[in-house]
């Protein structure tokens, strides 16, 4: 849950696997394995999915241009 909150709060930043693993004080390999086992997707795939969902929401709920949303 802590990792998912971190991802959602930092979607507009460069999130690295090492940063996520450090949140839980475990290795990157162990983190990736546990994440995929828990959510059924790799951390990077999850991050991309979340960014796409955020962009969809912004397109529907704001007047921001596509370019501004892409930069976001």
N, C-alpha and C. Protein backbone atom coordinates (compact mmCIF):
# COMPACT_ATOMS: atom_id res chain seq x y z
N UNK A 1 0.83 -1.20 0.00
CA UNK A 1 0.00 0.00 0.00
C UNK A 1 0.87 1.26 0.00
N UNK A 2 1.93 1.25 0.79
CA UNK A 2 2.83 2.39 0.85
C UNK A 2 3.45 2.67 -0.52
N UNK A 3 3.82 1.62 -1.22
CA UNK A 3 4.44 1.77 -2.54
C UNK A 3 3.42 2.31 -3.54
N UNK A 4 2.20 1.80 -3.50
CA UNK A 4 1.17 2.27 -4.43
C UNK A 4 0.84 3.73 -4.19
N UNK A 5 0.78 4.14 -2.94
CA UNK A 5 0.55 5.55 -2.62
C UNK A 5 1.70 6.40 -3.15
N UNK A 6 2.92 5.94 -2.96
CA UNK A 6 4.09 6.67 -3.44
C UNK A 6 4.02 6.85 -4.96
N UNK A 7 3.70 5.77 -5.66
CA UNK A 7 3.59 5.84 -7.12
C UNK A 7 2.54 6.86 -7.52
N UNK A 8 1.36 6.79 -6.92
CA UNK A 8 0.28 7.71 -7.30
C UNK A 8 0.61 9.16 -6.98
N UNK A 9 1.36 9.40 -5.93
CA UNK A 9 1.72 10.77 -5.55
C UNK A 9 2.86 11.32 -6.40
N UNK A 10 3.61 10.45 -7.06
CA UNK A 10 4.79 10.88 -7.81
C UNK A 10 4.74 10.50 -9.29
N UNK A 11 3.55 10.33 -9.82
CA UNK A 11 3.40 9.91 -11.22
C UNK A 11 4.10 10.85 -12.20
N UNK A 12 4.17 12.12 -11.86
CA UNK A 12 4.77 13.10 -12.77
C UNK A 12 6.28 13.20 -12.61
N UNK A 13 6.86 12.31 -11.80
CA UNK A 13 8.30 12.33 -11.57
C UNK A 13 8.93 11.05 -12.11
N UNK A 14 10.23 11.04 -12.18
CA UNK A 14 10.98 9.86 -12.61
C UNK A 14 11.06 8.89 -11.43
N UNK A 15 10.28 7.83 -11.47
CA UNK A 15 10.27 6.85 -10.39
C UNK A 15 11.13 5.67 -10.81
N UNK A 16 12.10 5.35 -9.99
CA UNK A 16 13.01 4.25 -10.29
C UNK A 16 12.69 3.06 -9.39
N UNK A 17 13.00 1.89 -9.90
CA UNK A 17 12.78 0.66 -9.15
C UNK A 17 13.53 0.70 -7.82
N UNK A 18 14.72 1.23 -7.85
CA UNK A 18 15.53 1.31 -6.63
C UNK A 18 14.82 2.16 -5.56
N UNK A 19 14.13 3.23 -5.98
CA UNK A 19 13.41 4.09 -5.03
C UNK A 19 12.28 3.32 -4.37
N UNK A 20 11.56 2.54 -5.16
CA UNK A 20 10.43 1.77 -4.62
C UNK A 20 10.93 0.68 -3.67
N UNK A 21 11.99 0.01 -4.06
CA UNK A 21 12.55 -1.04 -3.21
C UNK A 21 13.06 -0.46 -1.89
N UNK A 22 13.64 0.73 -1.94
CA UNK A 22 14.16 1.36 -0.73
C UNK A 22 13.05 1.73 0.25
N UNK A 23 11.87 2.00 -0.28
CA UNK A 23 10.74 2.29 0.62
C UNK A 23 10.49 1.14 1.58
N UNK A 24 10.75 -0.07 1.10
CA UNK A 24 10.49 -1.27 1.90
C UNK A 24 11.78 -1.90 2.44
N UNK A 25 12.91 -1.25 2.16
CA UNK A 25 14.21 -1.75 2.60
C UNK A 25 14.48 -3.18 2.14
N UNK A 26 14.19 -3.44 0.86
CA UNK A 26 14.49 -4.74 0.28
C UNK A 26 15.20 -4.53 -1.05
N UNK A 27 15.75 -5.62 -1.60
CA UNK A 27 16.47 -5.50 -2.87
C UNK A 27 15.49 -5.25 -4.01
N UNK A 28 16.02 -4.71 -5.10
CA UNK A 28 15.20 -4.47 -6.28
C UNK A 28 14.62 -5.77 -6.82
N UNK A 29 15.43 -6.82 -6.84
CA UNK A 29 14.98 -8.10 -7.35
C UNK A 29 13.83 -8.63 -6.50
N UNK A 30 14.00 -8.62 -5.20
CA UNK A 30 12.96 -9.13 -4.29
C UNK A 30 11.70 -8.28 -4.40
N UNK A 31 11.88 -6.97 -4.48
CA UNK A 31 10.73 -6.08 -4.62
C UNK A 31 9.96 -6.39 -5.90
N UNK A 32 10.66 -6.50 -7.02
CA UNK A 32 10.00 -6.79 -8.30
C UNK A 32 9.23 -8.10 -8.24
N UNK A 33 9.83 -9.10 -7.65
CA UNK A 33 9.18 -10.40 -7.54
C UNK A 33 7.91 -10.30 -6.69
N UNK A 34 8.00 -9.66 -5.54
CA UNK A 34 6.84 -9.52 -4.66
C UNK A 34 5.74 -8.67 -5.30
N UNK A 35 6.14 -7.61 -5.97
CA UNK A 35 5.17 -6.71 -6.61
C UNK A 35 4.39 -7.47 -7.68
N UNK A 36 5.11 -8.18 -8.53
CA UNK A 36 4.45 -8.91 -9.61
C UNK A 36 3.56 -10.02 -9.05
N UNK A 37 4.01 -10.68 -8.02
CA UNK A 37 3.21 -11.74 -7.40
C UNK A 37 1.95 -11.16 -6.76
N UNK A 38 2.06 -9.98 -6.18
CA UNK A 38 0.92 -9.36 -5.50
C UNK A 38 -0.09 -8.75 -6.46
N UNK A 39 0.39 -8.05 -7.49
CA UNK A 39 -0.50 -7.31 -8.38
C UNK A 39 -0.66 -7.93 -9.77
N UNK A 40 0.14 -8.94 -10.07
CA UNK A 40 0.03 -9.60 -11.36
C UNK A 40 0.65 -8.84 -12.51
N UNK A 41 1.40 -7.80 -12.20
CA UNK A 41 2.07 -7.02 -13.24
C UNK A 41 3.40 -6.51 -12.68
N UNK A 42 4.34 -6.26 -13.56
CA UNK A 42 5.64 -5.74 -13.15
C UNK A 42 5.49 -4.28 -12.70
N UNK A 43 6.36 -3.82 -11.82
CA UNK A 43 6.26 -2.43 -11.33
C UNK A 43 6.23 -1.40 -12.46
N UNK A 44 7.07 -1.57 -13.48
CA UNK A 44 7.12 -0.59 -14.57
C UNK A 44 5.82 -0.59 -15.35
N UNK A 45 5.25 -1.77 -15.59
CA UNK A 45 3.98 -1.86 -16.30
C UNK A 45 2.87 -1.19 -15.49
N UNK A 46 2.88 -1.40 -14.19
CA UNK A 46 1.89 -0.76 -13.32
C UNK A 46 2.02 0.75 -13.39
N UNK A 47 3.25 1.24 -13.34
CA UNK A 47 3.50 2.68 -13.40
C UNK A 47 2.96 3.27 -14.71
N UNK A 48 3.23 2.61 -15.82
CA UNK A 48 2.73 3.07 -17.11
C UNK A 48 1.20 3.09 -17.12
N UNK A 49 0.59 2.03 -16.62
CA UNK A 49 -0.88 1.95 -16.56
C UNK A 49 -1.45 3.11 -15.74
N UNK A 50 -0.82 3.41 -14.62
CA UNK A 50 -1.30 4.49 -13.76
C UNK A 50 -1.17 5.85 -14.45
N UNK A 51 -0.08 6.04 -15.17
CA UNK A 51 0.12 7.30 -15.89
C UNK A 51 -0.92 7.46 -17.00
N UNK A 52 -1.24 6.37 -17.67
CA UNK A 52 -2.27 6.42 -18.72
C UNK A 52 -3.63 6.76 -18.10
N UNK A 53 -3.95 6.14 -16.98
CA UNK A 53 -5.22 6.42 -16.31
C UNK A 53 -5.29 7.88 -15.86
N UNK A 54 -4.19 8.41 -15.34
CA UNK A 54 -4.14 9.82 -14.93
C UNK A 54 -4.38 10.72 -16.12
N UNK A 55 -3.75 10.41 -17.26
CA UNK A 55 -3.93 11.21 -18.47
C UNK A 55 -5.38 11.16 -18.94
N UNK A 56 -6.00 10.00 -18.89
CA UNK A 56 -7.42 9.88 -19.27
C UNK A 56 -8.30 10.77 -18.39
N UNK A 57 -8.04 10.74 -17.09
CA UNK A 57 -8.82 11.57 -16.17
C UNK A 57 -8.64 13.04 -16.48
N UNK A 58 -7.42 13.46 -16.73
CA UNK A 58 -7.16 14.86 -17.02
C UNK A 58 -7.82 15.28 -18.33
N UNK A 59 -7.83 14.40 -19.31
CA UNK A 59 -8.50 14.71 -20.58
C UNK A 59 -10.00 14.90 -20.38
N UNK A 60 -10.59 14.09 -19.53
CA UNK A 60 -12.03 14.16 -19.30
C UNK A 60 -12.43 15.31 -18.38
N UNK A 61 -11.60 15.60 -17.39
CA UNK A 61 -12.02 16.48 -16.30
C UNK A 61 -11.41 17.88 -16.34
N UNK A 62 -10.51 18.13 -17.28
CA UNK A 62 -9.88 19.45 -17.33
C UNK A 62 -9.92 19.99 -18.75
N UNK A 63 -9.52 21.23 -18.88
CA UNK A 63 -9.41 21.85 -20.19
C UNK A 63 -7.96 21.92 -20.66
N UNK A 64 -7.10 21.14 -20.02
CA UNK A 64 -5.69 21.13 -20.39
C UNK A 64 -5.54 20.56 -21.80
N UNK A 65 -4.56 21.07 -22.52
CA UNK A 65 -4.28 20.53 -23.84
C UNK A 65 -3.60 19.17 -23.71
N UNK A 66 -3.63 18.43 -24.79
CA UNK A 66 -2.98 17.13 -24.79
C UNK A 66 -1.48 17.30 -24.50
N UNK A 67 -0.89 18.35 -25.04
CA UNK A 67 0.53 18.60 -24.81
C UNK A 67 0.81 18.84 -23.32
N UNK A 68 -0.04 19.66 -22.68
CA UNK A 68 0.15 19.91 -21.25
C UNK A 68 -0.02 18.65 -20.43
N UNK A 69 -0.97 17.82 -20.80
CA UNK A 69 -1.19 16.56 -20.08
C UNK A 69 0.00 15.65 -20.29
N UNK A 70 0.53 15.58 -21.48
CA UNK A 70 1.70 14.75 -21.75
C UNK A 70 2.90 15.20 -20.92
N UNK A 71 3.07 16.51 -20.77
CA UNK A 71 4.17 17.02 -19.97
C UNK A 71 3.96 16.76 -18.48
N UNK A 72 2.69 16.72 -18.08
CA UNK A 72 2.33 16.45 -16.70
C UNK A 72 2.76 15.04 -16.34
